[in-house]
Amino acid sequence: RFQVGDTVEQSIDVDKRLLYSRLHTAGHVLGAAVRHLLEKEI
């Protein structure tokens, strides 16, 4: 088990990271699409 001061290697679940990144970018793109269409309409 680890102790304070130990050097450790971190590894993330890459498939989940890529899915979350795709979803996050897509959310911003959706936000941009809605803003550009409706900012002056609503």
Full PDB file with SEQRES, HELIX, SHEET, SSBOND, CRYST1, ORIGX, SCALE, CONECT and MASTER records, all heavy atoms in Angstrom:
SEQRES   1 A   42  ARG PHE GLN VAL GLY ASP THR VAL GLU GLN SER ILE ASP          
SEQRES   2 A   42  VAL ASP LYS ARG LEU LEU TYR SER ARG LEU HIS THR ALA          
SEQRES   3 A   42  GLY HIS VAL LEU GLY ALA ALA VAL ARG HIS LEU LEU GLU          
SEQRES   4 A   42  LYS GLU ILE                                                  
HELIX    1 AA1 VAL A   14  LEU A   38  1                                  25    
CRYST1    1.000    1.000    1.000  90.00  90.00  90.00 P 1           1          
ORIGX1      1.000000  0.000000  0.000000        0.00000                         
ORIGX2      0.000000  1.000000  0.000000        0.00000                         
ORIGX3      0.000000  0.000000  1.000000        0.00000                         
SCALE1      1.000000  0.000000  0.000000        0.00000                         
SCALE2      0.000000  1.000000  0.000000        0.00000                         
SCALE3      0.000000  0.000000  1.000000        0.00000                         
ATOM      1  N   ARG A   1       0.838  -1.200   0.000  1.00  0.00           N  
ATOM      2  CA  ARG A   1       0.000   0.000   0.000  1.00  0.00           C  
ATOM      3  C   ARG A   1       0.872   1.249   0.000  1.00  0.00           C  
ATOM      4  O   ARG A   1       2.001   1.234   0.478  1.00  0.00           O  
ATOM      5  CB  ARG A   1      -0.928  -0.017   1.214  1.00  0.00           C  
ATOM      6  CG  ARG A   1      -1.996  -1.100   1.113  1.00  0.00           C  
ATOM      7  CD  ARG A   1      -3.104  -0.908   2.121  1.00  0.00           C  
ATOM      8  NE  ARG A   1      -4.176  -1.875   1.915  1.00  0.00           N  
ATOM      9  CZ  ARG A   1      -5.324  -1.860   2.569  1.00  0.00           C  
ATOM     10  NH1 ARG A   1      -5.550  -0.920   3.491  1.00  0.00           N  
ATOM     11  NH2 ARG A   1      -6.251  -2.763   2.330  1.00  0.00           N  
ATOM     12  N   PHE A   2       0.301   2.340  -0.517  1.00  0.00           N  
ATOM     13  CA  PHE A   2       1.089   3.556  -0.705  1.00  0.00           C  
ATOM     14  C   PHE A   2       1.355   4.263   0.621  1.00  0.00           C  
ATOM     15  O   PHE A   2       0.589   4.156   1.575  1.00  0.00           O  
ATOM     16  CB  PHE A   2       0.355   4.529  -1.632  1.00  0.00           C  
ATOM     17  CG  PHE A   2      -0.085   3.960  -2.947  1.00  0.00           C  
ATOM     18  CD1 PHE A   2      -1.088   4.579  -3.678  1.00  0.00           C  
ATOM     19  CD2 PHE A   2       0.492   2.805  -3.474  1.00  0.00           C  
ATOM     20  CE1 PHE A   2      -1.522   4.074  -4.886  1.00  0.00           C  
ATOM     21  CE2 PHE A   2       0.081   2.288  -4.690  1.00  0.00           C  
ATOM     22  CZ  PHE A   2      -0.935   2.931  -5.389  1.00  0.00           C  
ATOM     23  N   GLN A   3       2.443   5.031   0.609  1.00  0.00           N  
ATOM     24  CA  GLN A   3       2.782   5.923   1.704  1.00  0.00           C  
ATOM     25  C   GLN A   3       2.976   7.323   1.129  1.00  0.00           C  
ATOM     26  O   GLN A   3       3.288   7.480  -0.061  1.00  0.00           O  
ATOM     27  CB  GLN A   3       4.072   5.479   2.415  1.00  0.00           C  
ATOM     28  CG  GLN A   3       4.046   4.063   2.950  1.00  0.00           C  
ATOM     29  CD  GLN A   3       3.063   3.892   4.094  1.00  0.00           C  
ATOM     30  OE1 GLN A   3       2.881   4.806   4.899  1.00  0.00           O  
ATOM     31  NE2 GLN A   3       2.428   2.726   4.165  1.00  0.00           N  
ATOM     32  N   VAL A   4       2.777   8.328   1.956  1.00  0.00           N  
ATOM     33  CA  VAL A   4       3.058   9.690   1.521  1.00  0.00           C  
ATOM     34  C   VAL A   4       4.508   9.779   1.064  1.00  0.00           C  
ATOM     35  O   VAL A   4       5.415   9.278   1.729  1.00  0.00           O  
ATOM     36  CB  VAL A   4       2.787  10.701   2.660  1.00  0.00           C  
ATOM     37  CG1 VAL A   4       3.266  12.101   2.271  1.00  0.00           C  
ATOM     38  CG2 VAL A   4       1.301  10.723   2.996  1.00  0.00           C  
ATOM     39  N   GLY A   5       4.724  10.372  -0.095  1.00  0.00           N  
ATOM     40  CA  GLY A   5       6.070  10.478  -0.661  1.00  0.00           C  
ATOM     41  C   GLY A   5       6.378   9.424  -1.701  1.00  0.00           C  
ATOM     42  O   GLY A   5       7.359   9.552  -2.440  1.00  0.00           O  
ATOM     43  N   ASP A   6       5.537   8.388  -1.791  1.00  0.00           N  
ATOM     44  CA  ASP A   6       5.752   7.355  -2.801  1.00  0.00           C  
ATOM     45  C   ASP A   6       5.495   7.905  -4.205  1.00  0.00           C  
ATOM     46  O   ASP A   6       4.598   8.736  -4.411  1.00  0.00           O  
ATOM     47  CB  ASP A   6       4.800   6.172  -2.584  1.00  0.00           C  
ATOM     48  CG  ASP A   6       5.226   5.264  -1.449  1.00  0.00           C  
ATOM     49  OD1 ASP A   6       6.375   5.399  -0.978  1.00  0.00           O  
ATOM     50  OD2 ASP A   6       4.410   4.412  -1.041  1.00  0.00           O  
ATOM     51  N   THR A   7       6.257   7.411  -5.164  1.00  0.00           N  
ATOM     52  CA  THR A   7       5.989   7.695  -6.571  1.00  0.00           C  
ATOM     53  C   THR A   7       5.083   6.603  -7.121  1.00  0.00           C  
ATOM     54  O   THR A   7       5.362   5.405  -6.951  1.00  0.00           O  
ATOM     55  CB  THR A   7       7.294   7.742  -7.378  1.00  0.00           C  
ATOM     56  OG1 THR A   7       8.099   8.833  -6.901  1.00  0.00           O  
ATOM     57  CG2 THR A   7       7.021   7.952  -8.858  1.00  0.00           C  
ATOM     58  N   VAL A   8       3.980   7.012  -7.736  1.00  0.00           N  
ATOM     59  CA  VAL A   8       3.021   6.063  -8.290  1.00  0.00           C  
ATOM     60  C   VAL A   8       2.749   6.428  -9.746  1.00  0.00           C  
ATOM     61  O   VAL A   8       3.010   7.554 -10.182  1.00  0.00           O  
ATOM     62  CB  VAL A   8       1.699   6.070  -7.498  1.00  0.00           C  
ATOM     63  CG1 VAL A   8       1.942   5.618  -6.062  1.00  0.00           C  
ATOM     64  CG2 VAL A   8       1.042   7.450  -7.509  1.00  0.00           C  
ATOM     65  N   GLU A   9       2.221   5.464 -10.481  1.00  0.00           N  
ATOM     66  CA  GLU A   9       1.838   5.738 -11.869  1.00  0.00           C  
ATOM     67  C   GLU A   9       0.317   5.729 -11.967  1.00  0.00           C  
ATOM     68  O   GLU A   9      -0.341   4.763 -11.555  1.00  0.00           O  
ATOM     69  CB  GLU A   9       2.414   4.720 -12.841  1.00  0.00           C  
ATOM     70  CG  GLU A   9       2.013   5.043 -14.284  1.00  0.00           C  
ATOM     71  CD  GLU A   9       2.747   4.238 -15.337  1.00  0.00           C  
ATOM     72  OE1 GLU A   9       2.363   3.080 -15.567  1.00  0.00           O  
ATOM     73  OE2 GLU A   9       3.705   4.787 -15.916  1.00  0.00           O  
ATOM     74  N   GLN A  10      -0.211   6.797 -12.510  1.00  0.00           N  
ATOM     75  CA  GLN A  10      -1.648   6.891 -12.746  1.00  0.00           C  
ATOM     76  C   GLN A  10      -1.963   6.428 -14.169  1.00  0.00           C  
ATOM     77  O   GLN A  10      -1.227   6.749 -15.111  1.00  0.00           O  
ATOM     78  CB  GLN A  10      -2.128   8.336 -12.586  1.00  0.00           C  
ATOM     79  CG  GLN A  10      -1.963   8.915 -11.200  1.00  0.00           C  
ATOM     80  CD  GLN A  10      -2.455  10.353 -11.127  1.00  0.00           C  
ATOM     81  OE1 GLN A  10      -2.527  11.050 -12.137  1.00  0.00           O  
ATOM     82  NE2 GLN A  10      -2.772  10.809  -9.928  1.00  0.00           N  
ATOM     83  N   SER A  11      -3.053   5.694 -14.315  1.00  0.00           N  
ATOM     84  CA  SER A  11      -3.553   5.290 -15.627  1.00  0.00           C  
ATOM     85  C   SER A  11      -5.065   5.444 -15.612  1.00  0.00           C  
ATOM     86  O   SER A  11      -5.729   4.936 -14.707  1.00  0.00           O  
ATOM     87  CB  SER A  11      -3.199   3.828 -15.931  1.00  0.00           C  
ATOM     88  OG  SER A  11      -1.808   3.616 -15.909  1.00  0.00           O  
ATOM     89  N   ILE A  12      -5.607   6.130 -16.610  1.00  0.00           N  
ATOM     90  CA  ILE A  12      -7.052   6.316 -16.660  1.00  0.00           C  
ATOM     91  C   ILE A  12      -7.681   5.334 -17.641  1.00  0.00           C  
ATOM     92  O   ILE A  12      -7.020   4.771 -18.509  1.00  0.00           O  
ATOM     93  CB  ILE A  12      -7.437   7.759 -17.047  1.00  0.00           C  
ATOM     94  CG1 ILE A  12      -6.910   8.112 -18.442  1.00  0.00           C  
ATOM     95  CG2 ILE A  12      -6.975   8.753 -16.007  1.00  0.00           C  
ATOM     96  CD1 ILE A  12      -7.468   9.412 -18.975  1.00  0.00           C  
ATOM     97  N   ASP A  13      -8.994   5.129 -17.484  1.00  0.00           N  
ATOM     98  CA  ASP A  13      -9.772   4.344 -18.429  1.00  0.00           C  
ATOM     99  C   ASP A  13      -9.929   5.189 -19.695  1.00  0.00           C  
ATOM    100  O   ASP A  13     -10.716   6.140 -19.725  1.00  0.00           O  
ATOM    101  CB  ASP A  13     -11.137   4.012 -17.818  1.00  0.00           C  
ATOM    102  CG  ASP A  13     -11.994   3.113 -18.704  1.00  0.00           C  
ATOM    103  OD1 ASP A  13     -11.991   3.315 -19.933  1.00  0.00           O  
ATOM    104  OD2 ASP A  13     -12.682   2.235 -18.155  1.00  0.00           O  
ATOM    105  N   VAL A  14      -9.170   4.853 -20.727  1.00  0.00           N  
ATOM    106  CA  VAL A  14      -9.106   5.699 -21.922  1.00  0.00           C  
ATOM    107  C   VAL A  14     -10.429   5.715 -22.670  1.00  0.00           C  
ATOM    108  O   VAL A  14     -10.857   6.767 -23.174  1.00  0.00           O  
ATOM    109  CB  VAL A  14      -7.961   5.225 -22.853  1.00  0.00           C  
ATOM    110  CG1 VAL A  14      -7.938   6.054 -24.133  1.00  0.00           C  
ATOM    111  CG2 VAL A  14      -6.620   5.335 -22.138  1.00  0.00           C  
ATOM    112  N   ASP A  15     -11.110   4.577 -22.754  1.00  0.00           N  
ATOM    113  CA  ASP A  15     -12.377   4.533 -23.488  1.00  0.00           C  
ATOM    114  C   ASP A  15     -13.408   5.466 -22.864  1.00  0.00           C  
ATOM    115  O   ASP A  15     -14.126   6.185 -23.573  1.00  0.00           O  
ATOM    116  CB  ASP A  15     -12.924   3.108 -23.529  1.00  0.00           C  
ATOM    117  CG  ASP A  15     -12.116   2.192 -24.445  1.00  0.00           C  
ATOM    118  OD1 ASP A  15     -11.396   2.720 -25.310  1.00  0.00           O  
ATOM    119  OD2 ASP A  15     -12.219   0.963 -24.289  1.00  0.00           O  
ATOM    120  N   LYS A  16     -13.484   5.473 -21.533  1.00  0.00           N  
ATOM    121  CA  LYS A  16     -14.432   6.372 -20.867  1.00  0.00           C  
ATOM    122  C   LYS A  16     -14.017   7.822 -21.064  1.00  0.00           C  
ATOM    123  O   LYS A  16     -14.864   8.693 -21.319  1.00  0.00           O  
ATOM    124  CB  LYS A  16     -14.542   6.026 -19.380  1.00  0.00           C  
ATOM    125  CG  LYS A  16     -15.326   4.759 -19.114  1.00  0.00           C  
ATOM    126  CD  LYS A  16     -15.530   4.505 -17.630  1.00  0.00           C  
ATOM    127  CE  LYS A  16     -16.393   3.264 -17.420  1.00  0.00           C  
ATOM    128  NZ  LYS A  16     -16.607   2.962 -15.992  1.00  0.00           N  
ATOM    129  N   ARG A  17     -12.725   8.120 -20.950  1.00  0.00           N  
ATOM    130  CA  ARG A  17     -12.262   9.495 -21.177  1.00  0.00           C  
ATOM    131  C   ARG A  17     -12.654   9.975 -22.564  1.00  0.00           C  
ATOM    132  O   ARG A  17     -13.137  11.114 -22.731  1.00  0.00           O  
ATOM    133  CB  ARG A  17     -10.748   9.570 -20.984  1.00  0.00           C  
ATOM    134  CG  ARG A  17     -10.081  10.802 -21.601  1.00  0.00           C  
ATOM    135  CD  ARG A  17     -10.494  12.137 -20.975  1.00  0.00           C  
ATOM    136  NE  ARG A  17      -9.957  12.278 -19.664  1.00  0.00           N  
ATOM    137  CZ  ARG A  17      -8.699  12.655 -19.390  1.00  0.00           C  
ATOM    138  NH1 ARG A  17      -7.853  12.921 -20.380  1.00  0.00           N  
ATOM    139  NH2 ARG A  17      -8.303  12.781 -18.148  1.00  0.00           N  
ATOM    140  N   LEU A  18     -12.440   9.149 -23.578  1.00  0.00           N  
ATOM    141  CA  LEU A  18     -12.758   9.570 -24.942  1.00  0.00           C  
ATOM    142  C   LEU A  18     -14.256   9.792 -25.120  1.00  0.00           C  
ATOM    143  O   LEU A  18     -14.677  10.739 -25.792  1.00  0.00           O  
ATOM    144  CB  LEU A  18     -12.250   8.541 -25.946  1.00  0.00           C  
ATOM    145  CG  LEU A  18     -10.727   8.436 -26.063  1.00  0.00           C  
ATOM    146  CD1 LEU A  18     -10.336   7.302 -27.006  1.00  0.00           C  
ATOM    147  CD2 LEU A  18     -10.113   9.748 -26.532  1.00  0.00           C  
ATOM    148  N   LEU A  19     -15.076   8.942 -24.507  1.00  0.00           N  
ATOM    149  CA  LEU A  19     -16.520   9.143 -24.578  1.00  0.00           C  
ATOM    150  C   LEU A  19     -16.912  10.448 -23.903  1.00  0.00           C  
ATOM    151  O   LEU A  19     -17.694  11.241 -24.460  1.00  0.00           O  
ATOM    152  CB  LEU A  19     -17.248   7.972 -23.922  1.00  0.00           C  
ATOM    153  CG  LEU A  19     -18.776   8.116 -23.799  1.00  0.00           C  
ATOM    154  CD1 LEU A  19     -19.423   8.282 -25.174  1.00  0.00           C  
ATOM    155  CD2 LEU A  19     -19.364   6.932 -23.054  1.00  0.00           C  
ATOM    156  N   TYR A  20     -16.378  10.708 -22.714  1.00  0.00           N  
ATOM    157  CA  TYR A  20     -16.714  11.945 -22.007  1.00  0.00           C  
ATOM    158  C   TYR A  20     -16.244  13.168 -22.799  1.00  0.00           C  
ATOM    159  O   TYR A  20     -16.931  14.197 -22.831  1.00  0.00           O  
ATOM    160  CB  TYR A  20     -16.079  11.953 -20.615  1.00  0.00           C  
ATOM    161  CG  TYR A  20     -16.524  10.832 -19.707  1.00  0.00           C  
ATOM    162  CD1 TYR A  20     -15.748  10.440 -18.616  1.00  0.00           C  
ATOM    163  CD2 TYR A  20     -17.713  10.142 -19.935  1.00  0.00           C  
ATOM    164  CE1 TYR A  20     -16.147   9.409 -17.776  1.00  0.00           C  
ATOM    165  CE2 TYR A  20     -18.114   9.102 -19.098  1.00  0.00           C  
ATOM    166  CZ  TYR A  20     -17.329   8.744 -18.023  1.00  0.00           C  
ATOM    167  OH  TYR A  20     -17.713   7.719 -17.196  1.00  0.00           O  
ATOM    168  N   SER A  21     -15.089  13.059 -23.444  1.00  0.00           N  
ATOM    169  CA  SER A  21     -14.576  14.179 -24.239  1.00  0.00           C  
ATOM    170  C   SER A  21     -15.463  14.442 -25.448  1.00  0.00           C  
ATOM    171  O   SER A  21     -15.742  15.597 -25.797  1.00  0.00           O  
ATOM    172  CB  SER A  21     -13.139  13.885 -24.687  1.00  0.00           C  
ATOM    173  OG  SER A  21     -12.270  13.761 -23.582  1.00  0.00           O  
ATOM    174  N   ARG A  22     -15.899  13.368 -26.112  1.00  0.00           N  
ATOM    175  CA  ARG A  22     -16.804  13.525 -27.253  1.00  0.00           C  
ATOM    176  C   ARG A  22     -18.106  14.189 -26.817  1.00  0.00           C  
ATOM    177  O   ARG A  22     -18.615  15.101 -27.482  1.00  0.00           O  
ATOM    178  CB  ARG A  22     -17.085  12.171 -27.893  1.00  0.00           C  
ATOM    179  CG  ARG A  22     -15.905  11.546 -28.624  1.00  0.00           C  
ATOM    180  CD  ARG A  22     -16.229  10.121 -29.059  1.00  0.00           C  
ATOM    181  NE  ARG A  22     -17.416  10.095 -29.904  1.00  0.00           N  
ATOM    182  CZ  ARG A  22     -18.325   9.119 -29.892  1.00  0.00           C  
ATOM    183  NH1 ARG A  22     -18.208   8.098 -29.048  1.00  0.00           N  
ATOM    184  NH2 ARG A  22     -19.362   9.180 -30.702  1.00  0.00           N  
ATOM    185  N   LEU A  23     -18.654  13.719 -25.704  1.00  0.00           N  
ATOM    186  CA  LEU A  23     -19.907  14.290 -25.201  1.00  0.00           C  
ATOM    187  C   LEU A  23     -19.737  15.754 -24.797  1.00  0.00           C  
ATOM    188  O   LEU A  23     -20.627  16.587 -25.049  1.00  0.00           O  
ATOM    189  CB  LEU A  23     -20.408  13.475 -24.017  1.00  0.00           C  
ATOM    190  CG  LEU A  23     -21.118  12.166 -24.357  1.00  0.00           C  
ATOM    191  CD1 LEU A  23     -21.164  11.250 -23.133  1.00  0.00           C  
ATOM    192  CD2 LEU A  23     -22.528  12.429 -24.872  1.00  0.00           C  
ATOM    193  N   HIS A  24     -18.594  16.084 -24.182  1.00  0.00           N  
ATOM    194  CA  HIS A  24     -18.383  17.453 -23.712  1.00  0.00           C  
ATOM    195  C   HIS A  24     -18.249  18.405 -24.902  1.00  0.00           C  
ATOM    196  O   HIS A  24     -18.900  19.462 -24.950  1.00  0.00           O  
ATOM    197  CB  HIS A  24     -17.143  17.522 -22.820  1.00  0.00           C  
ATOM    198  CG  HIS A  24     -17.158  18.689 -21.899  1.00  0.00           C  
ATOM    199  ND1 HIS A  24     -16.588  18.679 -20.648  1.00  0.00           N  
ATOM    200  CD2 HIS A  24     -17.671  19.941 -22.035  1.00  0.00           C  
ATOM    201  CE1 HIS A  24     -16.750  19.848 -20.066  1.00  0.00           C  
ATOM    202  NE2 HIS A  24     -17.405  20.639 -20.903  1.00  0.00           N  
ATOM    203  N   THR A  25     -17.435  18.028 -25.884  1.00  0.00           N  
ATOM    204  CA  THR A  25     -17.307  18.881 -27.069  1.00  0.00           C  
ATOM    205  C   THR A  25     -18.646  19.007 -27.785  1.00  0.00           C  
ATOM    206  O   THR A  25     -19.043  20.107 -28.199  1.00  0.00           O  
ATOM    207  CB  THR A  25     -16.244  18.320 -28.026  1.00  0.00           C  
ATOM    208  OG1 THR A  25     -14.992  18.218 -27.344  1.00  0.00           O  
ATOM    209  CG2 THR A  25     -16.075  19.228 -29.240  1.00  0.00           C  
ATOM    210  N   ALA A  26     -19.348  17.888 -27.919  1.00  0.00           N  
ATOM    211  CA  ALA A  26     -20.651  17.925 -28.593  1.00  0.00           C  
ATOM    212  C   ALA A  26     -21.617  18.866 -27.874  1.00  0.00           C  
ATOM    213  O   ALA A  26     -22.414  19.564 -28.513  1.00  0.00           O  
ATOM    214  CB  ALA A  26     -21.240  16.520 -28.670  1.00  0.00           C  
ATOM    215  N   GLY A  27     -21.549  18.913 -26.545  1.00  0.00           N  
ATOM    216  CA  GLY A  27     -22.403  19.822 -25.793  1.00  0.00           C  
ATOM    217  C   GLY A  27     -22.104  21.278 -26.106  1.00  0.00           C  
ATOM    218  O   GLY A  27     -23.020  22.105 -26.254  1.00  0.00           O  
ATOM    219  N   HIS A  28     -20.823  21.593 -26.220  1.00  0.00           N  
ATOM    220  CA  HIS A  28     -20.466  22.966 -26.579  1.00  0.00           C  
ATOM    221  C   HIS A  28     -20.897  23.300 -28.012  1.00  0.00           C  
ATOM    222  O   HIS A  28     -21.354  24.417 -28.300  1.00  0.00           O  
ATOM    223  CB  HIS A  28     -18.955  23.176 -26.440  1.00  0.00           C  
ATOM    224  CG  HIS A  28     -18.492  23.300 -25.031  1.00  0.00           C  
ATOM    225  ND1 HIS A  28     -19.301  23.697 -23.998  1.00  0.00           N  
ATOM    226  CD2 HIS A  28     -17.260  23.084 -24.469  1.00  0.00           C  
ATOM    227  CE1 HIS A  28     -18.619  23.719 -22.870  1.00  0.00           C  
ATOM    228  NE2 HIS A  28     -17.380  23.344 -23.125  1.00  0.00           N  
ATOM    229  N   VAL A  29     -20.731  22.337 -28.911  1.00  0.00           N  
ATOM    230  CA  VAL A  29     -21.149  22.574 -30.295  1.00  0.00           C  
ATOM    231  C   VAL A  29     -22.664  22.770 -30.364  1.00  0.00           C  
ATOM    232  O   VAL A  29     -23.161  23.647 -31.078  1.00  0.00           O  
ATOM    233  CB  VAL A  29     -20.706  21.409 -31.204  1.00  0.00           C  
ATOM    234  CG1 VAL A  29     -21.205  21.627 -32.635  1.00  0.00           C  
ATOM    235  CG2 VAL A  29     -19.177  21.285 -31.202  1.00  0.00           C  
ATOM    236  N   LEU A  30     -23.401  21.976 -29.606  1.00  0.00           N  
ATOM    237  CA  LEU A  30     -24.852  22.150 -29.543  1.00  0.00           C  
ATOM    238  C   LEU A  30     -25.205  23.524 -28.991  1.00  0.00           C  
ATOM    239  O   LEU A  30     -26.077  24.222 -29.523  1.00  0.00           O  
ATOM    240  CB  LEU A  30     -25.469  21.057 -28.677  1.00  0.00           C  
ATOM    241  CG  LEU A  30     -26.972  21.187 -28.376  1.00  0.00           C  
ATOM    242  CD1 LEU A  30     -27.794  21.167 -29.654  1.00  0.00           C  
ATOM    243  CD2 LEU A  30     -27.423  20.077 -27.424  1.00  0.00           C  
ATOM    244  N   GLY A  31     -24.535  23.927 -27.911  1.00  0.00           N  
ATOM    245  CA  GLY A  31     -24.781  25.246 -27.338  1.00  0.00           C  
ATOM    246  C   GLY A  31     -24.528  26.354 -28.346  1.00  0.00           C  
ATOM    247  O   GLY A  31     -25.312  27.321 -28.445  1.00  0.00           O  
ATOM    248  N   ALA A  32     -23.439  26.214 -29.123  1.00  0.00           N  
ATOM    249  CA  ALA A  32     -23.121  27.209 -30.141  1.00  0.00           C  
ATOM    250  C   ALA A  32     -24.190  27.236 -31.231  1.00  0.00           C  
ATOM    251  O   ALA A  32     -24.606  28.302 -31.694  1.00  0.00           O  
ATOM    252  CB  ALA A  32     -21.750  26.911 -30.746  1.00  0.00           C  
ATOM    253  N   ALA A  33     -24.655  26.052 -31.649  1.00  0.00           N  
ATOM    254  CA  ALA A  33     -25.677  25.982 -32.692  1.00  0.00           C  
ATOM    255  C   ALA A  33     -26.966  26.659 -32.237  1.00  0.00           C  
ATOM    256  O   ALA A  33     -27.580  27.429 -32.988  1.00  0.00           O  
ATOM    257  CB  ALA A  33     -25.929  24.517 -33.056  1.00  0.00           C  
ATOM    258  N   VAL A  34     -27.380  26.385 -31.007  1.00  0.00           N  
ATOM    259  CA  VAL A  34     -28.614  26.978 -30.490  1.00  0.00           C  
ATOM    260  C   VAL A  34     -28.458  28.489 -30.356  1.00  0.00           C  
ATOM    261  O   VAL A  34     -29.353  29.262 -30.729  1.00  0.00           O  
ATOM    262  CB  VAL A  34     -29.001  26.336 -29.139  1.00  0.00           C  
ATOM    263  CG1 VAL A  34     -30.193  27.055 -28.527  1.00  0.00           C  
ATOM    264  CG2 VAL A  34     -29.325  24.853 -29.335  1.00  0.00           C  
ATOM    265  N   ARG A  35     -27.309  28.927 -29.832  1.00  0.00           N  
ATOM    266  CA  ARG A  35     -27.091  30.376 -29.686  1.00  0.00           C  
ATOM    267  C   ARG A  35     -27.147  31.074 -31.043  1.00  0.00           C  
ATOM    268  O   ARG A  35     -27.809  32.108 -31.202  1.00  0.00           O  
ATOM    269  CB  ARG A  35     -25.757  30.652 -28.991  1.00  0.00           C  
ATOM    270  CG  ARG A  35     -25.428  32.150 -28.906  1.00  0.00           C  
ATOM    271  CD  ARG A  35     -24.183  32.431 -28.094  1.00  0.00           C  
ATOM    272  NE  ARG A  35     -24.426  32.238 -26.673  1.00  0.00           N  
ATOM    273  CZ  ARG A  35     -25.016  33.137 -25.881  1.00  0.00           C  
ATOM    274  NH1 ARG A  35     -25.451  34.293 -26.376  1.00  0.00           N  
ATOM    275  NH2 ARG A  35     -25.183  32.879 -24.596  1.00  0.00           N  
ATOM    276  N   HIS A  36     -26.453  30.543 -32.026  1.00  0.00           N  
ATOM    277  CA  HIS A  36     -26.388  31.212 -33.322  1.00  0.00           C  
ATOM    278  C   HIS A  36     -27.748  31.240 -34.013  1.00  0.00           C  
ATOM    279  O   HIS A  36     -28.045  32.165 -34.778  1.00  0.00           O  
ATOM    280  CB  HIS A  36     -25.349  30.526 -34.208  1.00  0.00           C  
ATOM    281  CG  HIS A  36     -23.944  30.838 -33.807  1.00  0.00           C  
ATOM    282  ND1 HIS A  36     -22.873  30.780 -34.684  1.00  0.00           N  
ATOM    283  CD2 HIS A  36     -23.412  31.234 -32.623  1.00  0.00           C  
ATOM    284  CE1 HIS A  36     -21.753  31.121 -34.044  1.00  0.00           C  
ATOM    285  NE2 HIS A  36     -22.068  31.395 -32.800  1.00  0.00           N  
ATOM    286  N   LEU A  37     -28.577  30.251 -33.742  1.00  0.00           N  
ATOM    287  CA  LEU A  37     -29.911  30.221 -34.335  1.00  0.00           C  
ATOM    288  C   LEU A  37     -30.922  31.100 -33.591  1.00  0.00           C  
ATOM    289  O   LEU A  37     -31.750  31.767 -34.215  1.00  0.00           O  
ATOM    290  CB  LEU A  37     -30.443  28.787 -34.347  1.00  0.00           C  
ATOM    291  CG  LEU A  37     -30.014  27.868 -35.478  1.00  0.00           C  
ATOM    292  CD1 LEU A  37     -30.515  26.455 -35.197  1.00  0.00           C  
ATOM    293  CD2 LEU A  37     -30.553  28.357 -36.826  1.00  0.00           C  
ATOM    294  N   LEU A  38     -30.858  31.103 -32.270  1.00  0.00           N  
ATOM    295  CA  LEU A  38     -31.983  31.604 -31.483  1.00  0.00           C  
ATOM    296  C   LEU A  38     -31.689  32.810 -30.600  1.00  0.00           C  
ATOM    297  O   LEU A  38     -32.613  33.350 -29.984  1.00  0.00           O  
ATOM    298  CB  LEU A  38     -32.525  30.469 -30.594  1.00  0.00           C  
ATOM    299  CG  LEU A  38     -33.004  29.218 -31.346  1.00  0.00           C  
ATOM    300  CD1 LEU A  38     -33.531  28.177 -30.382  1.00  0.00           C  
ATOM    301  CD2 LEU A  38     -34.072  29.582 -32.368  1.00  0.00           C  
ATOM    302  N   GLU A  39     -30.439  33.244 -30.534  1.00  0.00           N  
ATOM    303  CA  GLU A  39     -30.114  34.358 -29.645  1.00  0.00           C  
ATOM    304  C   GLU A  39     -30.986  35.577 -29.909  1.00  0.00           C  
ATOM    305  O   GLU A  39     -31.388  36.286 -28.977  1.00  0.00           O  
ATOM    306  CB  GLU A  39     -28.636  34.713 -29.788  1.00  0.00           C  
ATOM    307  CG  GLU A  39     -28.170  35.781 -28.827  1.00  0.00           C  
ATOM    308  CD  GLU A  39     -26.662  35.985 -28.887  1.00  0.00           C  
ATOM    309  OE1 GLU A  39     -26.043  35.653 -29.914  1.00  0.00           O  
ATOM    310  OE2 GLU A  39     -26.103  36.471 -27.886  1.00  0.00           O  
ATOM    311  N   LYS A  40     -31.298  35.833 -31.181  1.00  0.00           N  
ATOM    312  CA  LYS A  40     -32.094  37.007 -31.531  1.00  0.00           C  
ATOM    313  C   LYS A  40     -33.567  36.663 -31.736  1.00  0.00           C  
ATOM    314  O   LYS A  40     -34.383  37.546 -32.027  1.00  0.00           O  
ATOM    315  CB  LYS A  40     -31.528  37.654 -32.797  1.00  0.00           C  
ATOM    316  CG  LYS A  40     -30.114  38.201 -32.608  1.00  0.00           C  
ATOM    317  CD  LYS A  40     -29.582  38.833 -33.880  1.00  0.00           C  
ATOM    318  CE  LYS A  40     -28.171  39.360 -33.676  1.00  0.00           C  
ATOM    319  NZ  LYS A  40     -27.606  39.955 -34.936  1.00  0.00           N  
ATOM    320  N   GLU A  41     -33.905  35.389 -31.594  1.00  0.00           N  
ATOM    321  CA  GLU A  41     -35.277  34.950 -31.817  1.00  0.00           C  
ATOM    322  C   GLU A  41     -36.073  34.812 -30.519  1.00  0.00           C  
ATOM    323  O   GLU A  41     -37.306  34.911 -30.529  1.00  0.00           O  
ATOM    324  CB  GLU A  41     -35.286  33.593 -32.541  1.00  0.00           C  
ATOM    325  CG  GLU A  41     -34.624  33.586 -33.902  1.00  0.00           C  
ATOM    326  CD  GLU A  41     -35.481  34.261 -34.953  1.00  0.00           C  
ATOM    327  OE1 GLU A  41     -36.704  34.368 -34.740  1.00  0.00           O  
ATOM    328  OE2 GLU A  41     -34.919  34.698 -35.985  1.00  0.00           O  
ATOM    329  N   ILE A  42     -35.375  34.573 -29.417  1.00  0.00           N  
ATOM    330  CA  ILE A  42     -36.049  34.272 -28.158  1.00  0.00           C  
ATOM    331  C   ILE A  42     -35.716  35.345 -27.124  1.00  0.00           C  
ATOM    332  O   ILE A  42     -34.543  35.547 -26.788  1.00  0.00           O  
ATOM    333  CB  ILE A  42     -35.627  32.882 -27.645  1.00  0.00           C  
ATOM    334  CG1 ILE A  42     -36.112  31.808 -28.629  1.00  0.00           C  
ATOM    335  CG2 ILE A  42     -36.182  32.626 -26.248  1.00  0.00           C  
ATOM    336  CD1 ILE A  42     -35.734  30.411 -28.245  1.00  0.00           C  
TER     337      ILE A  42                                                      
MASTER        0    0    0    1    0    0    0    6  336    1    0    4          
END                                                                             
